[in-house]
């Protein structure tokens, strides 16, 4: 399976996801530090100098950067499959059933891949069967049945708009 080049495929979702992760991590770090300071017997920080506060601040910024990177990667494993399925639904809406959804090993919603592909295959088989029936019907109609031949022609035209191969 090829890798998707673009990490941000659903900007709104992925930004909200990452901001929520960053907020949670920073809040947790600060609550631990605050609890330690307020406990009276500070085990983590004790008396802090300005330099130590600066170091803690820089460490938090570093942690925020790591959380941002990990959040984008993790959110991509959710947003990527949604993006692929959404594009596949668009293709279906345009009459194209000649594709298969392929997700990466570590993507979420892997169970949807098989279900989606199975259902597209069922549609593809039904349309192929209808096309076959329309061809047989067209071949069996005589010249005197012009109206019926026109209707079969319209049916074949509509069925041909659906791409199955």
C-alpha atoms as a PDB file:
ATOM      1  CA  UNK A   1       0.000   0.000   0.000  1.00  0.00           C
ATOM      2  CA  UNK A   2       1.413   3.347  -0.952  1.00  0.00           C
ATOM      3  CA  UNK A   3       1.838   6.048   1.640  1.00  0.00           C
ATOM      4  CA  UNK A   4      -0.256   9.158   1.439  1.00  0.00           C
ATOM      5  CA  UNK A   5       2.016  12.140   0.954  1.00  0.00           C
ATOM      6  CA  UNK A   6      -0.197  14.737   2.592  1.00  0.00           C
ATOM      7  CA  UNK A   7      -0.537  14.455   6.370  1.00  0.00           C
ATOM      8  CA  UNK A   8      -3.277  17.068   6.707  1.00  0.00           C
ATOM      9  CA  UNK A   9      -6.271  15.864   4.691  1.00  0.00           C
ATOM     10  CA  UNK A  10      -9.088  17.229   6.866  1.00  0.00           C
ATOM     11  CA  UNK A  11      -7.723  20.466   8.297  1.00  0.00           C
ATOM     12  CA  UNK A  12     -10.656  21.328  10.555  1.00  0.00           C
ATOM     13  CA  UNK A  13     -10.887  17.901  12.206  1.00  0.00           C
ATOM     14  CA  UNK A  14      -7.136  17.475  12.541  1.00  0.00           C
ATOM     15  CA  UNK A  15      -6.616  20.946  14.037  1.00  0.00           C
ATOM     16  CA  UNK A  16      -9.348  20.406  16.606  1.00  0.00           C
ATOM     17  CA  UNK A  17      -7.916  16.970  17.416  1.00  0.00           C
ATOM     18  CA  UNK A  18      -4.367  18.288  17.904  1.00  0.00           C
ATOM     19  CA  UNK A  19      -5.449  21.360  19.881  1.00  0.00           C
ATOM     20  CA  UNK A  20      -7.453  19.086  22.176  1.00  0.00           C
ATOM     21  CA  UNK A  21      -4.422  16.828  22.688  1.00  0.00           C
ATOM     22  CA  UNK A  22      -2.101  19.769  23.348  1.00  0.00           C
ATOM     23  CA  UNK A  23      -4.561  21.357  25.752  1.00  0.00           C
ATOM     24  CA  UNK A  24      -4.938  18.071  27.629  1.00  0.00           C
ATOM     25  CA  UNK A  25      -1.193  17.465  27.936  1.00  0.00           C
ATOM     26  CA  UNK A  26      -0.359  21.045  28.986  1.00  0.00           C
ATOM     27  CA  UNK A  27      -3.220  21.036  31.485  1.00  0.00           C
ATOM     28  CA  UNK A  28      -2.047  17.721  32.939  1.00  0.00           C
ATOM     29  CA  UNK A  29       1.573  18.911  33.244  1.00  0.00           C
ATOM     30  CA  UNK A  30       0.531  22.159  34.883  1.00  0.00           C
ATOM     31  CA  UNK A  31      -1.871  20.429  37.262  1.00  0.00           C
ATOM     32  CA  UNK A  32       0.919  18.086  38.385  1.00  0.00           C
ATOM     33  CA  UNK A  33       3.286  21.039  38.936  1.00  0.00           C
ATOM     34  CA  UNK A  34       0.594  23.093  40.695  1.00  0.00           C
ATOM     35  CA  UNK A  35      -0.421  20.191  42.932  1.00  0.00           C
ATOM     36  CA  UNK A  36       3.255  19.635  43.788  1.00  0.00           C
ATOM     37  CA  UNK A  37       3.754  23.317  44.638  1.00  0.00           C
ATOM     38  CA  UNK A  38       0.585  23.527  46.732  1.00  0.00           C
ATOM     39  CA  UNK A  39       1.199  20.303  48.616  1.00  0.00           C
ATOM     40  CA  UNK A  40       3.650  22.048  50.929  1.00  0.00           C
ATOM     41  CA  UNK A  41       6.308  19.389  50.631  1.00  0.00           C
ATOM     42  CA  UNK A  42       7.163  19.947  47.014  1.00  0.00           C
ATOM     43  CA  UNK A  43       8.808  16.779  45.747  1.00  0.00           C
ATOM     44  CA  UNK A  44       9.123  17.815  42.112  1.00  0.00           C
ATOM     45  CA  UNK A  45      10.062  21.477  42.053  1.00  0.00           C
ATOM     46  CA  UNK A  46      10.666  22.905  45.528  1.00  0.00           C
ATOM     47  CA  UNK A  47      11.768  26.547  45.422  1.00  0.00           C
ATOM     48  CA  UNK A  48      12.006  27.585  41.791  1.00  0.00           C
ATOM     49  CA  UNK A  49      14.382  30.187  40.430  1.00  0.00           C
ATOM     50  CA  UNK A  50      13.612  32.190  37.298  1.00  0.00           C
ATOM     51  CA  UNK A  51      15.955  29.946  35.340  1.00  0.00           C
ATOM     52  CA  UNK A  52      14.102  26.852  36.504  1.00  0.00           C
ATOM     53  CA  UNK A  53      10.764  28.434  35.517  1.00  0.00           C
ATOM     54  CA  UNK A  54      12.262  29.198  32.106  1.00  0.00           C
ATOM     55  CA  UNK A  55      13.498  25.612  31.768  1.00  0.00           C
ATOM     56  CA  UNK A  56      10.046  24.278  32.717  1.00  0.00           C
ATOM     57  CA  UNK A  57       8.454  26.621  30.157  1.00  0.00           C
ATOM     58  CA  UNK A  58      10.862  25.515  27.428  1.00  0.00           C
ATOM     59  CA  UNK A  59      10.276  21.869  28.326  1.00  0.00           C
ATOM     60  CA  UNK A  60       6.530  22.434  28.022  1.00  0.00           C
ATOM     61  CA  UNK A  61       7.027  24.049  24.603  1.00  0.00           C
ATOM     62  CA  UNK A  62       9.120  21.067  23.532  1.00  0.00           C
ATOM     63  CA  UNK A  63       6.417  18.704  24.774  1.00  0.00           C
ATOM     64  CA  UNK A  64       3.783  20.745  22.914  1.00  0.00           C
ATOM     65  CA  UNK A  65       5.821  20.327  19.713  1.00  0.00           C
ATOM     66  CA  UNK A  66       6.058  16.575  20.196  1.00  0.00           C
ATOM     67  CA  UNK A  67       2.347  16.324  21.002  1.00  0.00           C
ATOM     68  CA  UNK A  68       1.539  18.407  17.901  1.00  0.00           C
ATOM     69  CA  UNK A  69       3.579  16.098  15.645  1.00  0.00           C
ATOM     70  CA  UNK A  70       2.131  12.942  17.205  1.00  0.00           C
ATOM     71  CA  UNK A  71      -1.368  14.428  17.086  1.00  0.00           C
ATOM     72  CA  UNK A  72      -1.112  15.156  13.372  1.00  0.00           C
ATOM     73  CA  UNK A  73       0.177  11.628  12.711  1.00  0.00           C
ATOM     74  CA  UNK A  74      -2.541  10.014  14.827  1.00  0.00           C
ATOM     75  CA  UNK A  75      -5.328  12.210  13.441  1.00  0.00           C
ATOM     76  CA  UNK A  76      -4.174  11.339   9.926  1.00  0.00           C
ATOM     77  CA  UNK A  77      -4.882   7.683  10.691  1.00  0.00           C
ATOM     78  CA  UNK A  78      -8.491   8.756  11.274  1.00  0.00           C
ATOM     79  CA  UNK A  79      -8.886  11.587   8.744  1.00  0.00           C
ATOM     80  CA  UNK A  80      -7.063   9.700   5.964  1.00  0.00           C
ATOM     81  CA  UNK A  81      -9.566   6.814   5.776  1.00  0.00           C
ATOM     82  CA  UNK A  82     -12.487   9.246   5.981  1.00  0.00           C
ATOM     83  CA  UNK A  83     -10.934  11.175   3.075  1.00  0.00           C
ATOM     84  CA  UNK A  84     -10.480   7.981   1.012  1.00  0.00           C
ATOM     85  CA  UNK A  85     -14.049   6.791   1.639  1.00  0.00           C
ATOM     86  CA  UNK A  86     -15.417  10.264   0.882  1.00  0.00           C
ATOM     87  CA  UNK A  87     -13.571  10.347  -2.460  1.00  0.00           C
ATOM     88  CA  UNK A  88     -14.838   6.839  -3.217  1.00  0.00           C
ATOM     89  CA  UNK A  89     -18.417   7.906  -2.530  1.00  0.00           C
ATOM     90  CA  UNK A  90     -17.901  10.818  -4.929  1.00  0.00           C
ATOM     91  CA  UNK A  91     -16.717   8.366  -7.615  1.00  0.00           C
ATOM     92  CA  UNK A  92     -19.799   6.242  -6.984  1.00  0.00           C
ATOM     93  CA  UNK A  93     -21.985   9.318  -7.349  1.00  0.00           C
ATOM     94  CA  UNK A  94     -20.340   9.931 -10.728  1.00  0.00           C
ATOM     95  CA  UNK A  95     -21.170   6.349 -11.760  1.00  0.00           C
ATOM     96  CA  UNK A  96     -17.669   4.898 -11.350  1.00  0.00           C
ATOM     97  CA  UNK A  97     -17.661   1.497  -9.630  1.00  0.00           C
ATOM     98  CA  UNK A  98     -14.309   0.362 -11.022  1.00  0.00           C
ATOM     99  CA  UNK A  99     -12.257   1.061  -7.897  1.00  0.00           C
ATOM    100  CA  UNK A 100     -11.440  -0.550  -4.573  1.00  0.00           C
ATOM    101  CA  UNK A 101     -10.901   1.297  -1.303  1.00  0.00           C
ATOM    102  CA  UNK A 102      -7.428   0.614   0.052  1.00  0.00           C
ATOM    103  CA  UNK A 103      -6.403   1.698   3.536  1.00  0.00           C
ATOM    104  CA  UNK A 104      -3.004   1.463   5.161  1.00  0.00           C
ATOM    105  CA  UNK A 105      -2.170  -1.129   7.837  1.00  0.00           C
ATOM    106  CA  UNK A 106      -2.225   1.351  10.719  1.00  0.00           C
ATOM    107  CA  UNK A 107      -5.316   3.304   9.621  1.00  0.00           C
ATOM    108  CA  UNK A 108      -8.441   3.313  11.737  1.00  0.00           C
ATOM    109  CA  UNK A 109     -11.673   1.963  10.231  1.00  0.00           C
ATOM    110  CA  UNK A 110      -9.935  -0.948   8.488  1.00  0.00           C
ATOM    111  CA  UNK A 111     -13.113  -3.019   8.964  1.00  0.00           C
ATOM    112  CA  UNK A 112     -14.971  -0.509   6.756  1.00  0.00           C
ATOM    113  CA  UNK A 113     -12.595  -1.212   3.860  1.00  0.00           C
ATOM    114  CA  UNK A 114     -13.801  -4.795   3.381  1.00  0.00           C
ATOM    115  CA  UNK A 115     -17.479  -3.969   3.879  1.00  0.00           C
ATOM    116  CA  UNK A 116     -17.290  -1.028   1.477  1.00  0.00           C
ATOM    117  CA  UNK A 117     -15.479  -3.034  -1.213  1.00  0.00           C
ATOM    118  CA  UNK A 118     -17.873  -5.982  -0.827  1.00  0.00           C
ATOM    119  CA  UNK A 119     -20.893  -3.720  -1.338  1.00  0.00           C
ATOM    120  CA  UNK A 120     -19.356  -1.964  -4.348  1.00  0.00           C
ATOM    121  CA  UNK A 121     -18.633  -5.415  -5.826  1.00  0.00           C
ATOM    122  CA  UNK A 122     -22.286  -6.427  -5.320  1.00  0.00           C
ATOM    123  CA  UNK A 123     -23.431  -3.267  -7.116  1.00  0.00           C
ATOM    124  CA  UNK A 124     -20.920  -3.899  -9.893  1.00  0.00           C
ATOM    125  CA  UNK A 125     -22.209  -7.461 -10.370  1.00  0.00           C
ATOM    126  CA  UNK A 126     -25.837  -6.299 -10.499  1.00  0.00           C
ATOM    127  CA  UNK A 127     -25.077  -3.624 -13.062  1.00  0.00           C
ATOM    128  CA  UNK A 128     -23.121  -6.058 -15.232  1.00  0.00           C
ATOM    129  CA  UNK A 129     -26.091  -8.452 -15.056  1.00  0.00           C
ATOM    130  CA  UNK A 130     -28.468  -5.648 -16.094  1.00  0.00           C
ATOM    131  CA  UNK A 131     -26.187  -4.702 -18.994  1.00  0.00           C
ATOM    132  CA  UNK A 132     -26.140  -8.332 -20.131  1.00  0.00           C
ATOM    133  CA  UNK A 133     -29.942  -8.552 -19.990  1.00  0.00           C
ATOM    134  CA  UNK A 134     -30.263  -5.298 -21.947  1.00  0.00           C
ATOM    135  CA  UNK A 135     -27.911  -6.618 -24.653  1.00  0.00           C
ATOM    136  CA  UNK A 136     -29.836  -9.904 -24.917  1.00  0.00           C
ATOM    137  CA  UNK A 137     -33.129  -8.027 -25.056  1.00  0.00           C
ATOM    138  CA  UNK A 138     -31.839  -5.736 -27.765  1.00  0.00           C
ATOM    139  CA  UNK A 139     -30.635  -8.699 -29.809  1.00  0.00           C
ATOM    140  CA  UNK A 140     -33.965 -10.523 -29.496  1.00  0.00           C
ATOM    141  CA  UNK A 141     -36.116  -7.589 -30.613  1.00  0.00           C
ATOM    142  CA  UNK A 142     -37.097  -7.511 -34.238  1.00  0.00           C
ATOM    143  CA  UNK A 143     -37.219  -4.529 -36.578  1.00  0.00           C
ATOM    144  CA  UNK A 144     -40.992  -4.145 -36.097  1.00  0.00           C
ATOM    145  CA  UNK A 145     -40.557  -3.311 -32.435  1.00  0.00           C
ATOM    146  CA  UNK A 146     -38.943   0.092 -32.875  1.00  0.00           C
ATOM    147  CA  UNK A 147     -40.365   1.598 -29.649  1.00  0.00           C
ATOM    148  CA  UNK A 148     -39.060  -1.281 -27.576  1.00  0.00           C
ATOM    149  CA  UNK A 149     -35.658  -1.022 -29.259  1.00  0.00           C
ATOM    150  CA  UNK A 150     -35.496   2.693 -28.435  1.00  0.00           C
ATOM    151  CA  UNK A 151     -36.308   1.977 -24.785  1.00  0.00           C
ATOM    152  CA  UNK A 152     -33.666  -0.753 -24.653  1.00  0.00           C
ATOM    153  CA  UNK A 153     -31.233   1.699 -26.238  1.00  0.00           C
ATOM    154  CA  UNK A 154     -32.006   4.265 -23.533  1.00  0.00           C
ATOM    155  CA  UNK A 155     -31.576   1.572 -20.862  1.00  0.00           C
ATOM    156  CA  UNK A 156     -28.199   0.562 -22.307  1.00  0.00           C
ATOM    157  CA  UNK A 157     -27.103   4.210 -22.476  1.00  0.00           C
ATOM    158  CA  UNK A 158     -27.928   4.729 -18.810  1.00  0.00           C
ATOM    159  CA  UNK A 159     -26.250   1.478 -17.811  1.00  0.00           C
ATOM    160  CA  UNK A 160     -23.168   2.369 -19.843  1.00  0.00           C
ATOM    161  CA  UNK A 161     -22.845   5.571 -17.799  1.00  0.00           C
ATOM    162  CA  UNK A 162     -21.991   3.325 -14.857  1.00  0.00           C
ATOM    163  CA  UNK A 163     -18.367   2.312 -15.020  1.00  0.00           C
ATOM    164  CA  UNK A 164     -17.836  -1.211 -13.682  1.00  0.00           C
ATOM    165  CA  UNK A 165     -14.397  -2.116 -15.048  1.00  0.00           C
END
